[in-house]
Protein backbone atom coordinates (compact mmCIF):
# COMPACT_ATOMS: atom_id res chain seq x y z
CA MET A 1 256.56 91.61 43.45
CA THR A 2 258.10 95.06 43.82
CA ILE A 3 255.93 98.08 44.50
CA THR A 4 256.76 99.41 41.03
CA ALA A 5 255.61 96.14 39.45
CA LYS A 6 252.40 96.22 41.52
CA LEU A 7 251.85 99.83 40.50
CA LEU A 8 252.19 98.99 36.82
CA ASP A 9 249.90 95.98 37.13
CA LEU A 10 247.22 98.08 38.82
CA THR A 11 247.63 100.82 36.22
CA LEU A 12 246.82 98.37 33.44
CA GLN A 13 243.80 97.03 35.33
CA ILE A 14 242.45 100.57 35.74
CA GLN A 15 243.21 101.42 32.11
CA GLN A 16 240.99 98.55 30.94
CA ILE A 17 237.92 100.10 32.62
CA SER A 18 236.31 102.65 30.32
CA ALA A 19 235.81 106.00 32.05
CA PRO A 20 234.68 108.81 29.73
CA THR A 21 233.97 112.12 31.42
CA PHE A 22 230.48 111.91 33.03
CA HIS A 23 230.66 108.08 32.90
CA GLU A 24 233.32 107.19 35.48
CA GLU A 25 231.07 104.95 37.60
CA ALA A 26 232.65 101.57 36.82
CA ARG A 27 236.18 102.80 37.38
CA GLY A 28 235.09 104.61 40.53
CA GLN A 29 233.51 101.45 41.92
CA PHE A 30 236.73 99.53 41.20
CA VAL A 31 238.73 102.11 43.15
CA TYR A 32 236.18 102.08 45.99
CA ASP A 33 236.51 98.32 46.34
CA LEU A 34 240.32 98.56 46.39
CA PHE A 35 240.23 101.30 49.03
CA GLN A 36 238.14 98.94 51.15
CA LYS A 37 240.56 96.03 50.61
CA GLU A 38 243.44 98.26 51.69
CA ASN A 39 241.64 98.81 55.01
CA LEU A 40 241.59 102.56 54.57
CA LYS A 41 239.22 104.58 56.74
CA ASP A 42 236.05 106.52 55.88
CA VAL A 43 235.81 105.15 52.34
CA PHE A 44 232.87 106.62 50.43
CA ILE A 45 231.60 107.82 47.05
CA ASP A 46 230.12 111.32 47.04
CA ASP A 47 227.12 112.57 45.06
CA LEU A 48 229.22 113.36 41.96
CA GLY A 49 231.08 110.05 41.91
CA ASN A 50 234.33 111.11 43.57
CA VAL A 51 235.82 108.23 45.58
CA LEU A 52 237.53 109.19 48.85
CA ALA A 53 239.40 107.39 51.60
CA ARG A 54 241.57 108.33 54.59
CA LEU A 55 244.95 107.02 55.70
CA PRO A 56 245.20 108.13 59.34
CA GLY A 57 248.10 110.12 60.72
CA LYS A 58 249.12 110.34 64.36
CA ARG A 59 247.66 113.77 65.18
CA LYS A 60 243.91 114.16 65.17
CA ASP A 61 244.21 117.95 65.36
CA ALA A 62 246.52 118.23 62.31
CA LYS A 63 245.26 119.37 58.92
CA PRO A 64 245.12 116.56 56.32
CA LEU A 65 247.04 116.45 53.04
CA VAL A 66 244.63 115.83 50.15
CA ILE A 67 246.04 113.73 47.29
CA SER A 68 243.92 113.49 44.15
CA ALA A 69 243.98 111.84 40.73
CA HIS A 70 241.25 112.14 38.11
CA LEU A 71 239.32 109.04 37.07
CA ASP A 72 238.08 110.20 33.69
CA THR A 73 239.63 109.91 30.24
CA VAL A 74 238.97 111.63 26.92
CA PHE A 75 238.00 108.39 25.15
CA PRO A 76 234.33 107.55 24.51
CA GLN A 77 232.66 104.26 25.34
CA GLY A 78 233.50 101.55 22.81
CA VAL A 79 237.08 102.62 22.09
CA ASN A 80 239.50 99.70 21.83
CA LEU A 81 241.46 99.82 25.09
CA GLN A 82 244.01 97.18 24.11
CA SER A 83 247.43 97.70 25.70
CA VAL A 84 250.79 96.71 24.21
CA GLU A 85 254.25 96.50 25.77
CA GLU A 86 256.97 97.64 23.40
CA ALA A 87 260.64 98.57 23.92
CA GLY A 88 260.40 99.74 27.52
CA LYS A 89 256.99 101.35 27.29
CA TRP A 90 253.32 100.51 27.64
CA ILE A 91 251.07 101.81 24.87
CA ALA A 92 247.37 102.12 25.69
CA PRO A 93 244.63 104.79 25.56
CA GLY A 94 244.54 106.64 28.89
CA VAL A 95 247.41 104.68 30.43
CA GLY A 96 249.24 107.83 31.50
CA ASP A 97 246.32 110.24 31.60
CA ASN A 98 245.33 109.19 34.10
CA SER A 99 245.27 105.47 34.92
CA LEU A 100 248.79 105.69 36.33
CA GLY A 101 247.86 108.69 38.48
CA VAL A 102 244.91 106.81 40.00
CA ALA A 103 247.05 103.71 40.61
CA ALA A 104 249.63 105.90 42.35
CA LEU A 105 247.11 106.68 45.09
CA PHE A 106 247.64 103.04 46.09
CA GLY A 107 251.36 103.07 45.31
CA ILE A 108 251.83 105.82 47.89
CA VAL A 109 249.99 103.78 50.53
CA TRP A 110 252.01 100.63 49.75
CA ALA A 111 255.32 102.50 49.91
CA LEU A 112 254.49 104.27 53.17
CA ARG A 113 253.42 101.01 54.78
CA GLN A 114 256.48 99.15 53.52
CA ARG A 115 258.83 101.64 55.13
CA LYS A 116 256.60 101.93 58.21
CA ALA A 117 256.42 105.68 57.80
CA GLU A 118 254.81 107.62 60.61
CA LEU A 119 252.76 110.56 59.43
CA GLU A 120 251.66 113.43 61.61
CA HIS A 121 248.86 114.36 59.24
CA ASP A 122 246.02 112.28 57.77
CA LEU A 123 246.11 111.61 54.05
CA TRP A 124 242.83 111.97 52.22
CA LEU A 125 242.96 110.14 48.89
CA ALA A 126 240.52 111.32 46.22
CA ALA A 127 239.89 109.66 42.86
CA ASN A 128 237.84 112.43 41.31
CA VAL A 129 235.58 112.78 38.29
CA GLY A 130 235.24 115.47 35.65
CA GLU A 131 238.78 116.71 34.97
CA GLU A 132 238.79 116.29 31.21
CA GLY A 133 236.99 118.36 28.59
CA LEU A 134 233.55 119.58 29.54
CA GLY A 135 233.84 118.05 32.99
CA ASP A 136 235.02 121.55 33.92
CA LEU A 137 236.88 120.25 37.02
CA ARG A 138 233.54 119.53 38.70
CA GLY A 139 234.95 116.67 40.75
CA MET A 140 237.82 118.71 42.12
CA ARG A 141 235.50 121.62 42.84
CA ALA A 142 233.56 119.31 45.15
CA VAL A 143 236.74 117.98 46.79
CA VAL A 144 237.97 121.51 47.51
CA GLN A 145 234.53 122.55 48.70
CA ARG A 146 234.64 119.64 51.17
CA PHE A 147 238.12 120.36 52.59
CA GLY A 148 238.88 123.98 51.68
CA SER A 149 241.44 125.68 53.91
CA ALA A 150 240.97 122.94 56.51
CA ALA A 151 243.42 120.93 54.40
CA LEU A 152 247.18 121.35 54.70
CA GLY A 153 247.20 121.53 50.91
CA TYR A 154 246.55 119.56 47.73
CA LEU A 155 248.78 117.22 45.73
CA VAL A 156 247.44 116.36 42.28
CA LEU A 157 248.85 113.27 40.56
CA GLU A 158 249.27 112.98 36.79
CA GLY A 159 250.81 109.98 35.08
CA MET A 160 253.14 111.62 32.56
CA ALA A 161 254.38 114.80 34.21
CA LEU A 162 257.57 113.45 35.82
CA GLY A 163 260.08 116.21 36.53
CA HIS A 164 257.49 118.97 36.13
CA ILE A 165 256.05 120.80 39.11
CA TYR A 166 252.83 122.53 38.10
CA ARG A 167 252.52 125.49 40.46
CA GLN A 168 250.65 127.90 38.19
CA ALA A 169 247.10 127.39 36.89
CA ILE A 170 246.22 128.63 33.42
CA GLY A 171 242.88 130.41 33.17
CA VAL A 172 240.43 128.90 30.66
CA LYS A 173 237.05 129.96 29.30
CA ARG A 174 235.02 127.89 26.85
CA TYR A 175 232.01 128.74 24.72
CA ARG A 176 229.55 126.84 22.56
CA ILE A 177 228.55 129.26 19.82
CA HIS A 178 225.27 128.84 17.89
CA ALA A 179 224.51 130.62 14.63
CA ARG A 180 220.84 130.66 13.55
CA THR A 181 219.15 131.93 10.40
CA ARG A 182 215.84 131.30 8.57
CA GLY A 183 217.62 128.98 6.16
CA GLY A 184 216.34 128.14 2.69
CA HIS A 185 217.18 126.75 -0.74
CA SER A 186 220.70 127.25 -2.06
CA TRP A 187 219.32 128.39 -5.46
CA ALA A 188 215.90 129.84 -4.83
CA ASP A 189 216.91 131.72 -1.70
CA TYR A 190 220.45 132.59 -2.69
CA GLY A 191 221.55 135.83 -1.06
CA GLN A 192 219.84 135.02 2.22
CA PRO A 193 222.16 134.29 5.17
CA SER A 194 223.37 130.75 5.86
CA ALA A 195 224.24 129.81 9.44
CA VAL A 196 227.26 127.87 8.18
CA HIS A 197 228.58 130.85 6.20
CA GLU A 198 227.98 133.27 9.06
CA LEU A 199 229.69 131.00 11.57
CA ALA A 200 232.63 130.45 9.22
CA SER A 201 233.00 134.21 8.84
CA LEU A 202 232.99 134.65 12.61
CA ILE A 203 235.58 131.91 13.08
CA ALA A 204 237.84 133.57 10.53
CA LYS A 205 237.66 136.81 12.53
CA LEU A 206 238.27 134.99 15.80
CA THR A 207 241.39 133.23 14.51
CA ALA A 208 242.70 136.55 13.17
CA LEU A 209 242.82 138.06 16.66
CA LYS A 210 246.35 139.00 17.74
CA LEU A 211 247.39 136.91 20.72
CA PRO A 212 250.48 137.63 22.82
CA ARG A 213 253.22 135.05 23.12
CA VAL A 214 254.10 136.44 26.53
CA PRO A 215 252.07 135.81 28.59
CA ARG A 216 251.24 132.72 26.57
CA THR A 217 247.66 132.96 25.30
CA THR A 218 245.78 130.61 22.97
CA LEU A 219 242.50 130.41 21.06
CA ASN A 220 241.14 127.24 19.50
CA VAL A 221 237.95 126.25 17.70
CA GLY A 222 237.85 122.56 18.55
CA THR A 223 234.56 121.43 17.00
CA ILE A 224 232.26 122.70 14.25
CA GLY A 225 229.04 121.41 12.74
CA GLY A 226 225.71 122.32 11.19
CA GLY A 227 223.59 122.26 8.09
CA THR A 228 221.32 119.54 6.72
CA GLY A 229 222.27 119.21 3.04
CA ILE A 230 224.60 120.41 0.32
CA ASN A 231 221.86 122.42 -1.40
CA VAL A 232 220.43 123.93 1.78
CA LEU A 233 221.14 127.32 3.29
CA ALA A 234 221.83 126.14 6.82
CA ALA A 235 219.41 127.29 9.47
CA GLU A 236 221.76 126.35 12.29
CA ALA A 237 225.48 125.81 12.89
CA GLN A 238 227.61 125.59 16.01
CA CYS A 239 231.20 125.42 17.19
CA GLU A 240 233.11 125.15 20.46
CA LEU A 241 235.74 127.72 21.37
CA ASP A 242 238.54 127.37 23.92
CA LEU A 243 240.40 130.44 25.27
CA ARG A 244 243.44 130.21 27.57
CA SER A 245 246.06 132.48 29.08
CA GLU A 246 248.70 132.41 31.78
CA ASP A 247 247.58 135.90 32.80
CA PRO A 248 243.99 136.50 34.02
CA ALA A 249 243.97 140.11 32.77
CA THR A 250 245.07 139.04 29.30
CA LEU A 251 242.41 136.35 29.22
CA GLU A 252 239.75 138.93 30.13
CA LYS A 253 240.97 141.15 27.29
CA ILE A 254 240.65 138.32 24.77
CA ILE A 255 237.23 137.41 26.16
CA SER A 256 236.09 141.02 25.61
CA GLN A 257 237.32 140.95 22.01
CA VAL A 258 235.55 137.64 21.35
CA GLU A 259 232.28 138.87 22.83
CA GLU A 260 232.48 142.07 20.78
CA LEU A 261 232.84 140.00 17.58
CA LEU A 262 229.83 137.93 18.67
CA ARG A 263 227.72 141.04 19.15
CA ALA A 264 228.79 142.42 15.78
CA ALA A 265 227.81 139.16 14.04
CA ASN A 266 224.14 139.59 14.98
CA GLY A 267 221.60 141.27 12.72
CA LYS A 268 220.15 141.03 9.18
CA GLY A 269 218.53 137.68 9.77
CA VAL A 270 221.41 136.26 11.83
CA LEU A 271 221.23 135.32 15.50
CA MET A 272 224.59 134.52 17.09
CA GLU A 273 224.47 133.20 20.65
CA ALA A 274 227.28 132.02 22.94
CA GLU A 275 226.86 129.69 25.89
CA VAL A 276 229.65 129.41 28.47
CA ILE A 277 230.39 125.68 28.82
CA GLY A 278 233.55 125.80 30.87
CA GLN A 279 235.53 128.12 33.09
CA ARG A 280 238.76 127.15 34.83
CA PRO A 281 240.04 129.85 37.17
CA ALA A 282 243.70 130.86 37.30
CA GLY A 283 246.01 130.97 40.29
CA SER A 284 249.58 130.32 41.37
CA LEU A 285 251.78 129.20 44.24
CA ALA A 286 254.98 131.09 45.05
CA VAL A 287 258.25 129.42 44.12
CA GLU A 288 259.35 129.91 47.73
CA HIS A 289 256.39 127.97 49.17
CA PRO A 290 257.38 124.81 51.10
CA PHE A 291 255.30 122.65 48.75
CA VAL A 292 257.34 123.80 45.75
CA GLN A 293 260.69 123.67 47.51
CA THR A 294 259.97 120.22 48.95
CA ALA A 295 258.96 118.92 45.53
CA ILE A 296 262.15 120.30 43.96
CA GLN A 297 264.35 118.62 46.57
CA CYS A 298 262.49 115.29 46.32
CA LEU A 299 262.97 115.23 42.54
CA GLN A 300 266.61 116.21 42.84
CA ALA A 301 267.16 113.43 45.40
CA GLN A 302 266.25 110.99 42.61
CA GLY A 303 268.67 112.65 40.18
CA LEU A 304 265.81 114.32 38.31
CA GLU A 305 265.71 117.90 37.08
CA ALA A 306 262.81 119.89 38.50
CA VAL A 307 260.99 122.13 36.01
CA LEU A 308 258.48 124.66 37.31
CA THR A 309 255.61 125.03 34.90
CA SER A 310 251.95 125.96 34.38
CA GLY A 311 248.93 124.06 33.13
CA SER A 312 245.20 123.54 33.22
CA THR A 313 244.65 120.80 35.80
CA ASP A 314 242.62 119.95 38.87
CA ALA A 315 245.06 122.15 40.78
CA ASN A 316 243.35 125.19 39.19
CA ILE A 317 240.61 124.98 41.80
CA PRO A 318 242.64 125.15 45.03
CA LEU A 319 245.20 127.54 43.50
CA SER A 320 242.44 129.94 42.42
CA LYS A 321 241.28 130.05 46.05
CA GLY A 322 244.74 130.81 47.39
CA LEU A 323 245.23 127.28 48.74
CA PRO A 324 248.58 125.44 48.44
CA ALA A 325 248.54 122.97 45.54
CA ILE A 326 250.95 121.43 43.07
CA VAL A 327 250.86 118.72 40.41
CA LEU A 328 253.48 115.96 40.30
CA GLY A 329 253.91 113.10 37.83
CA LEU A 330 254.98 109.47 37.99
CA THR A 331 256.89 108.89 34.76
CA THR A 332 257.49 110.25 31.27
CA GLY A 333 255.50 109.38 28.18
CA GLY A 334 253.75 110.81 25.16
CA GLY A 335 250.77 110.70 22.82
CA ALA A 336 248.39 111.97 25.48
CA HIS A 337 244.73 111.94 24.39
CA THR A 338 245.50 109.64 21.42
CA LEU A 339 245.04 105.91 20.91
CA HIS A 340 248.84 105.59 20.92
CA GLU A 341 249.36 107.15 24.36
CA TYR A 342 252.28 105.57 26.18
CA ILE A 343 254.27 105.62 29.41
CA ASN A 344 257.96 104.87 29.80
CA LEU A 345 258.67 102.13 32.34
CA GLU A 346 262.25 102.86 33.37
CA PRO A 347 261.60 106.21 35.19
CA LEU A 348 258.61 104.85 37.12
CA THR A 349 260.50 103.79 40.25
CA LYS A 350 262.14 107.19 40.64
CA GLY A 351 258.85 108.92 39.90
CA LEU A 352 256.98 107.06 42.62
CA GLU A 353 259.84 107.57 45.05
CA SER A 354 259.86 111.33 44.46
CA VAL A 355 256.10 111.53 45.11
CA VAL A 356 256.35 109.39 48.26
CA CYS A 357 259.23 111.60 49.43
CA PHE A 358 257.01 114.66 49.04
CA VAL A 359 254.16 113.03 50.96
CA GLU A 360 256.49 111.91 53.76
CA GLN A 361 258.02 115.36 54.11
CA ILE A 362 254.72 117.25 54.04
CA ALA A 363 252.45 114.88 55.97
CA GLY A 364 255.29 113.82 58.24
CA GLY A 365 255.63 117.39 59.47
CA ARG A 366 259.03 117.89 57.86
CA MET A 367 258.29 120.45 55.14
CA ARG A 368 261.32 121.94 53.44
CA LYS A 369 261.71 125.66 54.08
């Protein structure tokens, strides 16, 4: 069986293990057991559920390269995880985001061993929790806290980002907004404030804010709920708000505007409160950095076009601290975060080879200048 075939087989095994954010234990245990079977060193699960292992390099005094892939998916327990092969693709919830990324931790090891590669630096492999949604990158925060600047740098693996080099981290701030009123009867108490009405009015003002296209900045109300009946003036309503920008200063400006609207919505029997439920710091790595230049050349060596881009990923944490980090992918695909998510099979060999090339160059002490 080729390494690509083994990689795909492992991807589908991982995909079948449910791993919602905050409930990654079963998938983490599966990865832990595989790390042990691969005879990797120092295999352990930390207090959050991150699973780590070390592939030794030749130099004990050399900084390690940390390679991570997130365990969690956006799908809740009970979702049908059936996978289907169709016309050169595999269709399955979470197959690319990020079952393939986790499987690639092993694909890298297999490929390095097959070619008997000699690395100067240790590789620390981390299958981390809490990347999606309200996980708020908690797993990666712990990984970076553990290694910090003692690491050579960080390579983050994503299943469907082939050809893209994420070198810039988008700043994100998230709120859960609660509207509270006394409530009442829709007829007898008509004219008194309703939490649903007040929240809807606030959302209308939020979505009317002028956002710049450059730097790209977004605002999204992703969930909304409240009320207890059609003929009831709601006493409580809530929504979740997501703010993002490529530029930290622009994000702070939008945050100030949002918080001003929140303050203005209070009064006359209305209490509007906002709880911060997520904050992903921004950062970037220079185009000239050896990590970026090495990644470009490894992609080009496979006949792939390298596209420098930005995103909100686990790389936000090291980049925000001024530490070298990039995100690389294994193949192309689509439908991320839907039940019809899919990965394309044909590019997978080149995708794995480009990632292994990067690891060999960086951990082998041959970084491109």
